[in-house]
């Protein structure tokens, strides 16, 4: 299916060179899908760990449940290699 662009308000079909360039851009974007998805997971994981950092201060004793929760967060990206696996992540529940 041909692609078009707007030039001065007029729809113009892309040239073969423009089509090839667009295909290259789309392939590069698709290739980076996993990197973007795993970066989002790591950012969320880091936020969740940071929210519990005060439990790990030297004047506090970490409960076993909190230790398990924090370790589960640190391990959440282990073995994940596809976008589908990223989308299927089950986040651990924060203990009270």
PDB file of N, CA and C in Angstrom:
ATOM      1  N   UNK A   1       0.846  -1.166   0.000  1.00  0.00           N
ATOM      2  CA  UNK A   1       0.000   0.000   0.000  1.00  0.00           C
ATOM      3  C   UNK A   1       0.898   1.238   0.000  1.00  0.00           C
ATOM      4  N   UNK A   2       0.672   2.124  -0.899  1.00  0.00           N
ATOM      5  CA  UNK A   2       1.515   3.323  -0.971  1.00  0.00           C
ATOM      6  C   UNK A   2       1.269   4.241   0.227  1.00  0.00           C
ATOM      7  N   UNK A   3       2.304   4.972   0.565  1.00  0.00           N
ATOM      8  CA  UNK A   3       2.213   5.950   1.650  1.00  0.00           C
ATOM      9  C   UNK A   3       2.285   7.345   1.057  1.00  0.00           C
ATOM     10  N   UNK A   4       1.695   8.275   1.796  1.00  0.00           N
ATOM     11  CA  UNK A   4       1.611   9.642   1.312  1.00  0.00           C
ATOM     12  C   UNK A   4       2.136  10.611   2.355  1.00  0.00           C
ATOM     13  N   UNK A   5       2.456  11.800   1.902  1.00  0.00           N
ATOM     14  CA  UNK A   5       2.848  12.903   2.780  1.00  0.00           C
ATOM     15  C   UNK A   5       2.098  14.140   2.324  1.00  0.00           C
ATOM     16  N   UNK A   6       2.006  15.099   3.216  1.00  0.00           N
ATOM     17  CA  UNK A   6       1.368  16.356   2.853  1.00  0.00           C
ATOM     18  C   UNK A   6       2.422  17.376   2.480  1.00  0.00           C
ATOM     19  N   UNK A   7       2.253  17.989   1.333  1.00  0.00           N
ATOM     20  CA  UNK A   7       3.136  19.059   0.865  1.00  0.00           C
ATOM     21  C   UNK A   7       2.238  20.248   0.532  1.00  0.00           C
ATOM     22  N   UNK A   8       2.364  21.304   1.329  1.00  0.00           N
ATOM     23  CA  UNK A   8       1.533  22.494   1.143  1.00  0.00           C
ATOM     24  C   UNK A   8       0.046  22.146   1.095  1.00  0.00           C
ATOM     25  N   UNK A   9      -0.354  21.205   1.966  1.00  0.00           N
ATOM     26  CA  UNK A   9      -1.764  20.832   2.052  1.00  0.00           C
ATOM     27  C   UNK A   9      -2.220  19.856   0.992  1.00  0.00           C
ATOM     28  N   UNK A  10      -1.294  19.367   0.158  1.00  0.00           N
ATOM     29  CA  UNK A  10      -1.649  18.438  -0.908  1.00  0.00           C
ATOM     30  C   UNK A  10      -1.031  17.079  -0.585  1.00  0.00           C
ATOM     31  N   UNK A  11      -1.816  16.013  -0.696  1.00  0.00           N
ATOM     32  CA  UNK A  11      -1.343  14.653  -0.453  1.00  0.00           C
ATOM     33  C   UNK A  11      -0.510  14.181  -1.647  1.00  0.00           C
ATOM     34  N   UNK A  12       0.761  13.822  -1.364  1.00  0.00           N
ATOM     35  CA  UNK A  12       1.679  13.401  -2.421  1.00  0.00           C
ATOM     36  C   UNK A  12       2.237  12.029  -2.041  1.00  0.00           C
ATOM     37  N   UNK A  13       2.264  11.107  -3.000  1.00  0.00           N
ATOM     38  CA  UNK A  13       2.786   9.773  -2.748  1.00  0.00           C
ATOM     39  C   UNK A  13       4.299   9.837  -2.532  1.00  0.00           C
ATOM     40  N   UNK A  14       4.783   9.042  -1.573  1.00  0.00           N
ATOM     41  CA  UNK A  14       6.218   8.992  -1.305  1.00  0.00           C
ATOM     42  C   UNK A  14       6.956   8.375  -2.484  1.00  0.00           C
ATOM     43  N   UNK A  15       8.182   8.856  -2.717  1.00  0.00           N
ATOM     44  CA  UNK A  15       9.028   8.271  -3.763  1.00  0.00           C
ATOM     45  C   UNK A  15       9.579   6.948  -3.253  1.00  0.00           C
ATOM     46  N   UNK A  16      10.191   6.187  -4.141  1.00  0.00           N
ATOM     47  CA  UNK A  16      10.784   4.905  -3.750  1.00  0.00           C
ATOM     48  C   UNK A  16      11.855   5.112  -2.693  1.00  0.00           C
ATOM     49  N   UNK A  17      12.652   6.163  -2.827  1.00  0.00           N
ATOM     50  CA  UNK A  17      13.701   6.446  -1.837  1.00  0.00           C
ATOM     51  C   UNK A  17      13.095   6.802  -0.488  1.00  0.00           C
ATOM     52  N   UNK A  18      12.017   7.597  -0.506  1.00  0.00           N
ATOM     53  CA  UNK A  18      11.346   7.969   0.743  1.00  0.00           C
ATOM     54  C   UNK A  18      10.704   6.749   1.395  1.00  0.00           C
ATOM     55  N   UNK A  19      10.141   5.869   0.578  1.00  0.00           N
ATOM     56  CA  UNK A  19       9.562   4.618   1.097  1.00  0.00           C
ATOM     57  C   UNK A  19      10.640   3.776   1.767  1.00  0.00           C
ATOM     58  N   UNK A  20      11.798   3.651   1.117  1.00  0.00           N
ATOM     59  CA  UNK A  20      12.891   2.860   1.678  1.00  0.00           C
ATOM     60  C   UNK A  20      13.385   3.467   2.986  1.00  0.00           C
ATOM     61  N   UNK A  21      13.507   4.782   3.029  1.00  0.00           N
ATOM     62  CA  UNK A  21      13.953   5.452   4.249  1.00  0.00           C
ATOM     63  C   UNK A  21      12.942   5.235   5.376  1.00  0.00           C
ATOM     64  N   UNK A  22      11.672   5.329   5.036  1.00  0.00           N
ATOM     65  CA  UNK A  22      10.617   5.124   6.048  1.00  0.00           C
ATOM     66  C   UNK A  22      10.632   3.690   6.552  1.00  0.00           C
ATOM     67  N   UNK A  23      10.827   2.713   5.651  1.00  0.00           N
ATOM     68  CA  UNK A  23      10.924   1.311   6.062  1.00  0.00           C
ATOM     69  C   UNK A  23      12.088   1.095   7.028  1.00  0.00           C
ATOM     70  N   UNK A  24      13.218   1.741   6.744  1.00  0.00           N
ATOM     71  CA  UNK A  24      14.388   1.635   7.610  1.00  0.00           C
ATOM     72  C   UNK A  24      14.098   2.229   8.985  1.00  0.00           C
ATOM     73  N   UNK A  25      13.442   3.384   9.017  1.00  0.00           N
ATOM     74  CA  UNK A  25      13.082   4.018  10.288  1.00  0.00           C
ATOM     75  C   UNK A  25      12.142   3.129  11.097  1.00  0.00           C
ATOM     76  N   UNK A  26      11.149   2.541  10.435  1.00  0.00           N
ATOM     77  CA  UNK A  26      10.185   1.688  11.140  1.00  0.00           C
ATOM     78  C   UNK A  26      10.852   0.419  11.661  1.00  0.00           C
ATOM     79  N   UNK A  27      11.781  -0.138  10.896  1.00  0.00           N
ATOM     80  CA  UNK A  27      12.494  -1.330  11.349  1.00  0.00           C
ATOM     81  C   UNK A  27      13.361  -1.014  12.561  1.00  0.00           C
ATOM     82  N   UNK A  28      14.021   0.134  12.542  1.00  0.00           N
ATOM     83  CA  UNK A  28      14.856   0.535  13.676  1.00  0.00           C
ATOM     84  C   UNK A  28      14.001   0.756  14.918  1.00  0.00           C
ATOM     85  N   UNK A  29      12.842   1.362  14.753  1.00  0.00           N
ATOM     86  CA  UNK A  29      11.946   1.581  15.884  1.00  0.00           C
ATOM     87  C   UNK A  29      11.465   0.249  16.454  1.00  0.00           C
ATOM     88  N   UNK A  30      11.070  -0.671  15.589  1.00  0.00           N
ATOM     89  CA  UNK A  30      10.600  -1.984  16.032  1.00  0.00           C
ATOM     90  C   UNK A  30      11.713  -2.754  16.741  1.00  0.00           C
ATOM     91  N   UNK A  31      12.939  -2.629  16.261  1.00  0.00           N
ATOM     92  CA  UNK A  31      14.070  -3.329  16.872  1.00  0.00           C
ATOM     93  C   UNK A  31      14.341  -2.820  18.280  1.00  0.00           C
ATOM     94  N   UNK A  32      13.981  -1.590  18.564  1.00  0.00           N
ATOM     95  CA  UNK A  32      14.213  -1.027  19.884  1.00  0.00           C
ATOM     96  C   UNK A  32      13.061  -1.212  20.849  1.00  0.00           C
ATOM     97  N   UNK A  33      12.032  -1.953  20.458  1.00  0.00           N
ATOM     98  CA  UNK A  33      10.844  -2.125  21.296  1.00  0.00           C
ATOM     99  C   UNK A  33      11.192  -2.787  22.630  1.00  0.00           C
ATOM    100  N   UNK A  34      12.012  -3.820  22.606  1.00  0.00           N
ATOM    101  CA  UNK A  34      12.369  -4.506  23.849  1.00  0.00           C
ATOM    102  C   UNK A  34      13.160  -3.578  24.766  1.00  0.00           C
ATOM    103  N   UNK A  35      14.106  -2.855  24.204  1.00  0.00           N
ATOM    104  CA  UNK A  35      14.912  -1.948  25.024  1.00  0.00           C
ATOM    105  C   UNK A  35      14.050  -0.894  25.706  1.00  0.00           C
ATOM    106  N   UNK A  36      13.070  -0.360  24.986  1.00  0.00           N
ATOM    107  CA  UNK A  36      12.173   0.629  25.594  1.00  0.00           C
ATOM    108  C   UNK A  36      11.311  -0.006  26.681  1.00  0.00           C
ATOM    109  N   UNK A  37      10.793  -1.196  26.419  1.00  0.00           N
ATOM    110  CA  UNK A  37       9.918  -1.871  27.375  1.00  0.00           C
ATOM    111  C   UNK A  37      10.668  -2.242  28.651  1.00  0.00           C
ATOM    112  N   UNK A  38      11.867  -2.787  28.522  1.00  0.00           N
ATOM    113  CA  UNK A  38      12.624  -3.199  29.709  1.00  0.00           C
ATOM    114  C   UNK A  38      13.107  -1.978  30.488  1.00  0.00           C
ATOM    115  N   UNK A  39      13.373  -0.883  29.798  1.00  0.00           N
ATOM    116  CA  UNK A  39      13.749   0.349  30.497  1.00  0.00           C
ATOM    117  C   UNK A  39      12.588   0.850  31.351  1.00  0.00           C
ATOM    118  N   UNK A  40      11.368   0.736  30.846  1.00  0.00           N
ATOM    119  CA  UNK A  40      10.193   1.128  31.627  1.00  0.00           C
ATOM    120  C   UNK A  40      10.042   0.245  32.859  1.00  0.00           C
ATOM    121  N   UNK A  41      10.262  -1.062  32.692  1.00  0.00           N
ATOM    122  CA  UNK A  41      10.172  -1.985  33.831  1.00  0.00           C
ATOM    123  C   UNK A  41      11.217  -1.629  34.882  1.00  0.00           C
ATOM    124  N   UNK A  42      12.431  -1.377  34.445  1.00  0.00           N
ATOM    125  CA  UNK A  42      13.501  -1.036  35.393  1.00  0.00           C
ATOM    126  C   UNK A  42      13.204   0.265  36.126  1.00  0.00           C
ATOM    127  N   UNK A  43      12.639   1.232  35.425  1.00  0.00           N
ATOM    128  CA  UNK A  43      12.289   2.503  36.067  1.00  0.00           C
ATOM    129  C   UNK A  43      11.222   2.286  37.138  1.00  0.00           C
ATOM    130  N   UNK A  44      10.205   1.485  36.814  1.00  0.00           N
ATOM    131  CA  UNK A  44       9.154   1.202  37.808  1.00  0.00           C
ATOM    132  C   UNK A  44       9.740   0.430  38.988  1.00  0.00           C
ATOM    133  N   UNK A  45      10.568  -0.567  38.690  1.00  0.00           N
ATOM    134  CA  UNK A  45      11.200  -1.353  39.754  1.00  0.00           C
ATOM    135  C   UNK A  45      12.020  -0.458  40.666  1.00  0.00           C
ATOM    136  N   UNK A  46      12.795   0.432  40.087  1.00  0.00           N
ATOM    137  CA  UNK A  46      13.633   1.330  40.891  1.00  0.00           C
ATOM    138  C   UNK A  46      12.792   2.233  41.779  1.00  0.00           C
ATOM    139  N   UNK A  47      11.655   2.707  41.261  1.00  0.00           N
ATOM    140  CA  UNK A  47      10.756   3.541  42.071  1.00  0.00           C
ATOM    141  C   UNK A  47      10.192   2.746  43.242  1.00  0.00           C
ATOM    142  N   UNK A  48       9.768   1.505  42.966  1.00  0.00           N
ATOM    143  CA  UNK A  48       9.191   0.678  44.029  1.00  0.00           C
ATOM    144  C   UNK A  48      10.222   0.340  45.098  1.00  0.00           C
ATOM    145  N   UNK A  49      11.442   0.064  44.692  1.00  0.00           N
ATOM    146  CA  UNK A  49      12.498  -0.213  45.679  1.00  0.00           C
ATOM    147  C   UNK A  49      12.792   1.048  46.485  1.00  0.00           C
ATOM    148  N   UNK A  50      12.865   2.181  45.820  1.00  0.00           N
ATOM    149  CA  UNK A  50      13.152   3.440  46.515  1.00  0.00           C
ATOM    150  C   UNK A  50      12.083   3.754  47.555  1.00  0.00           C
ATOM    151  N   UNK A  51      10.835   3.373  47.285  1.00  0.00           N
ATOM    152  CA  UNK A  51       9.752   3.618  48.236  1.00  0.00           C
ATOM    153  C   UNK A  51       9.917   2.810  49.520  1.00  0.00           C
ATOM    154  N   UNK A  52      10.732   1.761  49.478  1.00  0.00           N
ATOM    155  CA  UNK A  52      10.922   0.929  50.669  1.00  0.00           C
ATOM    156  C   UNK A  52      12.328   1.058  51.252  1.00  0.00           C
ATOM    157  N   UNK A  53      13.128   1.953  50.717  1.00  0.00           N
ATOM    158  CA  UNK A  53      14.508   2.089  51.193  1.00  0.00           C
ATOM    159  C   UNK A  53      14.589   2.425  52.676  1.00  0.00           C
ATOM    160  N   UNK A  54      13.634   3.184  53.176  1.00  0.00           N
ATOM    161  CA  UNK A  54      13.704   3.566  54.588  1.00  0.00           C
ATOM    162  C   UNK A  54      13.613   2.350  55.506  1.00  0.00           C
ATOM    163  N   UNK A  55      13.031   1.247  55.015  1.00  0.00           N
ATOM    164  CA  UNK A  55      12.974   0.018  55.809  1.00  0.00           C
ATOM    165  C   UNK A  55      14.363  -0.593  55.981  1.00  0.00           C
ATOM    166  N   UNK A  56      15.255  -0.300  55.069  1.00  0.00           N
ATOM    167  CA  UNK A  56      16.576  -0.919  55.069  1.00  0.00           C
ATOM    168  C   UNK A  56      17.641  -0.060  55.745  1.00  0.00           C
ATOM    169  N   UNK A  57      17.241   1.017  56.387  1.00  0.00           N
ATOM    170  CA  UNK A  57      18.217   1.851  57.096  1.00  0.00           C
ATOM    171  C   UNK A  57      18.815   1.086  58.267  1.00  0.00           C
ATOM    172  N   UNK A  58      19.994   1.490  58.691  1.00  0.00           N
ATOM    173  CA  UNK A  58      20.708   0.740  59.728  1.00  0.00           C
ATOM    174  C   UNK A  58      19.975   0.716  61.063  1.00  0.00           C
ATOM    175  N   UNK A  59      19.097   1.680  61.322  1.00  0.00           N
ATOM    176  CA  UNK A  59      18.393   1.685  62.605  1.00  0.00           C
ATOM    177  C   UNK A  59      17.041   0.967  62.530  1.00  0.00           C
ATOM    178  N   UNK A  60      16.743   0.324  61.418  1.00  0.00           N
ATOM    179  CA  UNK A  60      15.523  -0.468  61.255  1.00  0.00           C
ATOM    180  C   UNK A  60      15.875  -1.925  61.018  1.00  0.00           C
ATOM    181  N   UNK A  61      14.982  -2.797  61.422  1.00  0.00           N
ATOM    182  CA  UNK A  61      15.146  -4.216  61.129  1.00  0.00           C
ATOM    183  C   UNK A  61      14.163  -4.572  60.026  1.00  0.00           C
ATOM    184  N   UNK A  62      14.679  -5.082  58.926  1.00  0.00           N
ATOM    185  CA  UNK A  62      13.834  -5.449  57.798  1.00  0.00           C
ATOM    186  C   UNK A  62      13.088  -6.737  58.116  1.00  0.00           C
ATOM    187  N   UNK A  63      11.773  -6.728  57.890  1.00  0.00           N
ATOM    188  CA  UNK A  63      11.002  -7.954  58.082  1.00  0.00           C
ATOM    189  C   UNK A  63      11.339  -8.931  56.962  1.00  0.00           C
ATOM    190  N   UNK A  64      11.062 -10.186  57.203  1.00  0.00           N
ATOM    191  CA  UNK A  64      11.318 -11.211  56.180  1.00  0.00           C
ATOM    192  C   UNK A  64      10.477 -10.941  54.939  1.00  0.00           C
ATOM    193  N   UNK A  65       9.242 -10.478  55.148  1.00  0.00           N
ATOM    194  CA  UNK A  65       8.362 -10.197  54.016  1.00  0.00           C
ATOM    195  C   UNK A  65       8.916  -9.047  53.170  1.00  0.00           C
ATOM    196  N   UNK A  66       9.432  -8.007  53.835  1.00  0.00           N
ATOM    197  CA  UNK A  66       9.983  -6.862  53.100  1.00  0.00           C
ATOM    198  C   UNK A  66      11.263  -7.266  52.369  1.00  0.00           C
ATOM    199  N   UNK A  67      12.072  -8.091  53.012  1.00  0.00           N
ATOM    200  CA  UNK A  67      13.291  -8.578  52.364  1.00  0.00           C
ATOM    201  C   UNK A  67      12.936  -9.372  51.108  1.00  0.00           C
ATOM    202  N   UNK A  68      11.927 -10.242  51.217  1.00  0.00           N
ATOM    203  CA  UNK A  68      11.482 -11.051  50.073  1.00  0.00           C
ATOM    204  C   UNK A  68      10.926 -10.161  48.967  1.00  0.00           C
ATOM    205  N   UNK A  69      10.139  -9.164  49.334  1.00  0.00           N
ATOM    206  CA  UNK A  69       9.561  -8.229  48.362  1.00  0.00           C
ATOM    207  C   UNK A  69      10.651  -7.476  47.609  1.00  0.00           C
ATOM    208  N   UNK A  70      11.600  -6.925  48.348  1.00  0.00           N
ATOM    209  CA  UNK A  70      12.677  -6.160  47.714  1.00  0.00           C
ATOM    210  C   UNK A  70      13.527  -7.050  46.800  1.00  0.00           C
ATOM    211  N   UNK A  71      13.774  -8.291  47.220  1.00  0.00           N
ATOM    212  CA  UNK A  71      14.548  -9.208  46.374  1.00  0.00           C
ATOM    213  C   UNK A  71      13.752  -9.566  45.125  1.00  0.00           C
ATOM    214  N   UNK A  72      12.450  -9.769  45.260  1.00  0.00           N
ATOM    215  CA  UNK A  72      11.614 -10.078  44.094  1.00  0.00           C
ATOM    216  C   UNK A  72      11.650  -8.925  43.092  1.00  0.00           C
ATOM    217  N   UNK A  73      11.645  -7.694  43.588  1.00  0.00           N
ATOM    218  CA  UNK A  73      11.755  -6.540  42.690  1.00  0.00           C
ATOM    219  C   UNK A  73      13.103  -6.525  41.980  1.00  0.00           C
ATOM    220  N   UNK A  74      14.167  -6.802  42.722  1.00  0.00           N
ATOM    221  CA  UNK A  74      15.499  -6.800  42.090  1.00  0.00           C
ATOM    222  C   UNK A  74      15.615  -7.897  41.030  1.00  0.00           C
ATOM    223  N   UNK A  75      14.907  -9.011  41.241  1.00  0.00           N
ATOM    224  CA  UNK A  75      14.995 -10.153  40.328  1.00  0.00           C
ATOM    225  C   UNK A  75      13.982 -10.099  39.182  1.00  0.00           C
ATOM    226  N   UNK A  76      13.132  -9.089  39.147  1.00  0.00           N
ATOM    227  CA  UNK A  76      12.001  -9.072  38.210  1.00  0.00           C
ATOM    228  C   UNK A  76      12.423  -9.111  36.740  1.00  0.00           C
ATOM    229  N   UNK A  77      13.599  -8.618  36.405  1.00  0.00           N
ATOM    230  CA  UNK A  77      14.020  -8.617  34.995  1.00  0.00           C
ATOM    231  C   UNK A  77      14.841  -9.848  34.611  1.00  0.00           C
ATOM    232  N   UNK A  78      15.130 -10.715  35.564  1.00  0.00           N
ATOM    233  CA  UNK A  78      15.934 -11.910  35.269  1.00  0.00           C
ATOM    234  C   UNK A  78      15.218 -12.811  34.267  1.00  0.00           C
ATOM    235  N   UNK A  79      15.905 -13.175  33.211  1.00  0.00           N
ATOM    236  CA  UNK A  79      15.382 -14.103  32.214  1.00  0.00           C
ATOM    237  C   UNK A  79      14.411 -13.509  31.221  1.00  0.00           C
ATOM    238  N   UNK A  80      14.171 -12.219  31.281  1.00  0.00           N
ATOM    239  CA  UNK A  80      13.226 -11.590  30.354  1.00  0.00           C
ATOM    240  C   UNK A  80      13.979 -11.179  29.088  1.00  0.00           C
ATOM    241  N   UNK A  81      13.491 -11.681  27.945  1.00  0.00           N
ATOM    242  CA  UNK A  81      14.194 -11.411  26.687  1.00  0.00           C
ATOM    243  C   UNK A  81      13.283 -10.910  25.573  1.00  0.00           C
ATOM    244  N   UNK A  82      11.961 -10.868  25.824  1.00  0.00           N
ATOM    245  CA  UNK A  82      11.044 -10.432  24.778  1.00  0.00           C
ATOM    246  C   UNK A  82      10.051  -9.407  25.328  1.00  0.00           C
ATOM    247  N   UNK A  83       9.454  -8.670  24.423  1.00  0.00           N
ATOM    248  CA  UNK A  83       8.430  -7.693  24.804  1.00  0.00           C
ATOM    249  C   UNK A  83       7.227  -8.415  25.403  1.00  0.00           C
ATOM    250  N   UNK A  84       6.900  -9.585  24.883  1.00  0.00           N
ATOM    251  CA  UNK A  84       5.770 -10.352  25.403  1.00  0.00           C
ATOM    252  C   UNK A  84       6.006 -10.725  26.867  1.00  0.00           C
ATOM    253  N   UNK A  85       7.226 -11.109  27.212  1.00  0.00           N
ATOM    254  CA  UNK A  85       7.543 -11.424  28.605  1.00  0.00           C
ATOM    255  C   UNK A  85       7.449 -10.170  29.477  1.00  0.00           C
ATOM    256  N   UNK A  86       7.882  -9.045  28.954  1.00  0.00           N
ATOM    257  CA  UNK A  86       7.778  -7.784  29.697  1.00  0.00           C
ATOM    258  C   UNK A  86       6.314  -7.483  29.985  1.00  0.00           C
ATOM    259  N   UNK A  87       5.462  -7.657  28.982  1.00  0.00           N
ATOM    260  CA  UNK A  87       4.042  -7.358  29.150  1.00  0.00           C
ATOM    261  C   UNK A  87       3.346  -8.331  30.093  1.00  0.00           C
ATOM    262  N   UNK A  88       3.931  -9.505  30.315  1.00  0.00           N
ATOM    263  CA  UNK A  88       3.325 -10.515  31.179  1.00  0.00           C
ATOM    264  C   UNK A  88       3.861 -10.485  32.619  1.00  0.00           C
ATOM    265  N   UNK A  89       4.671  -9.486  32.956  1.00  0.00           N
ATOM    266  CA  UNK A  89       5.237  -9.415  34.302  1.00  0.00           C
ATOM    267  C   UNK A  89       4.132  -9.276  35.338  1.00  0.00           C
ATOM    268  N   UNK A  90       4.257 -10.078  36.399  1.00  0.00           N
ATOM    269  CA  UNK A  90       3.381  -9.961  37.555  1.00  0.00           C
ATOM    270  C   UNK A  90       4.198  -9.322  38.661  1.00  0.00           C
ATOM    271  N   UNK A  91       3.796  -8.140  39.075  1.00  0.00           N
ATOM    272  CA  UNK A  91       4.547  -7.408  40.089  1.00  0.00           C
ATOM    273  C   UNK A  91       4.236  -7.965  41.477  1.00  0.00           C
ATOM    274  N   UNK A  92       5.256  -8.085  42.319  1.00  0.00           N
ATOM    275  CA  UNK A  92       5.004  -8.579  43.684  1.00  0.00           C
ATOM    276  C   UNK A  92       4.194  -7.557  44.481  1.00  0.00           C
ATOM    277  N   UNK A  93       3.485  -8.058  45.481  1.00  0.00           N
ATOM    278  CA  UNK A  93       2.667  -7.201  46.334  1.00  0.00           C
ATOM    279  C   UNK A  93       3.494  -6.711  47.511  1.00  0.00           C
ATOM    280  N   UNK A  94       3.438  -5.424  47.734  1.00  0.00           N
ATOM    281  CA  UNK A  94       4.194  -4.818  48.837  1.00  0.00           C
ATOM    282  C   UNK A  94       3.573  -5.227  50.171  1.00  0.00           C
ATOM    283  N   UNK A  95       4.387  -5.754  51.084  1.00  0.00           N
ATOM    284  CA  UNK A  95       3.848  -6.109  52.406  1.00  0.00           C
ATOM    285  C   UNK A  95       3.521  -4.859  53.220  1.00  0.00           C
ATOM    286  N   UNK A  96       2.632  -5.023  54.143  1.00  0.00           N
ATOM    287  CA  UNK A  96       2.230  -3.888  55.010  1.00  0.00           C
ATOM    288  C   UNK A  96       3.240  -3.640  56.100  1.00  0.00           C
TER     289      UNK A  96
END
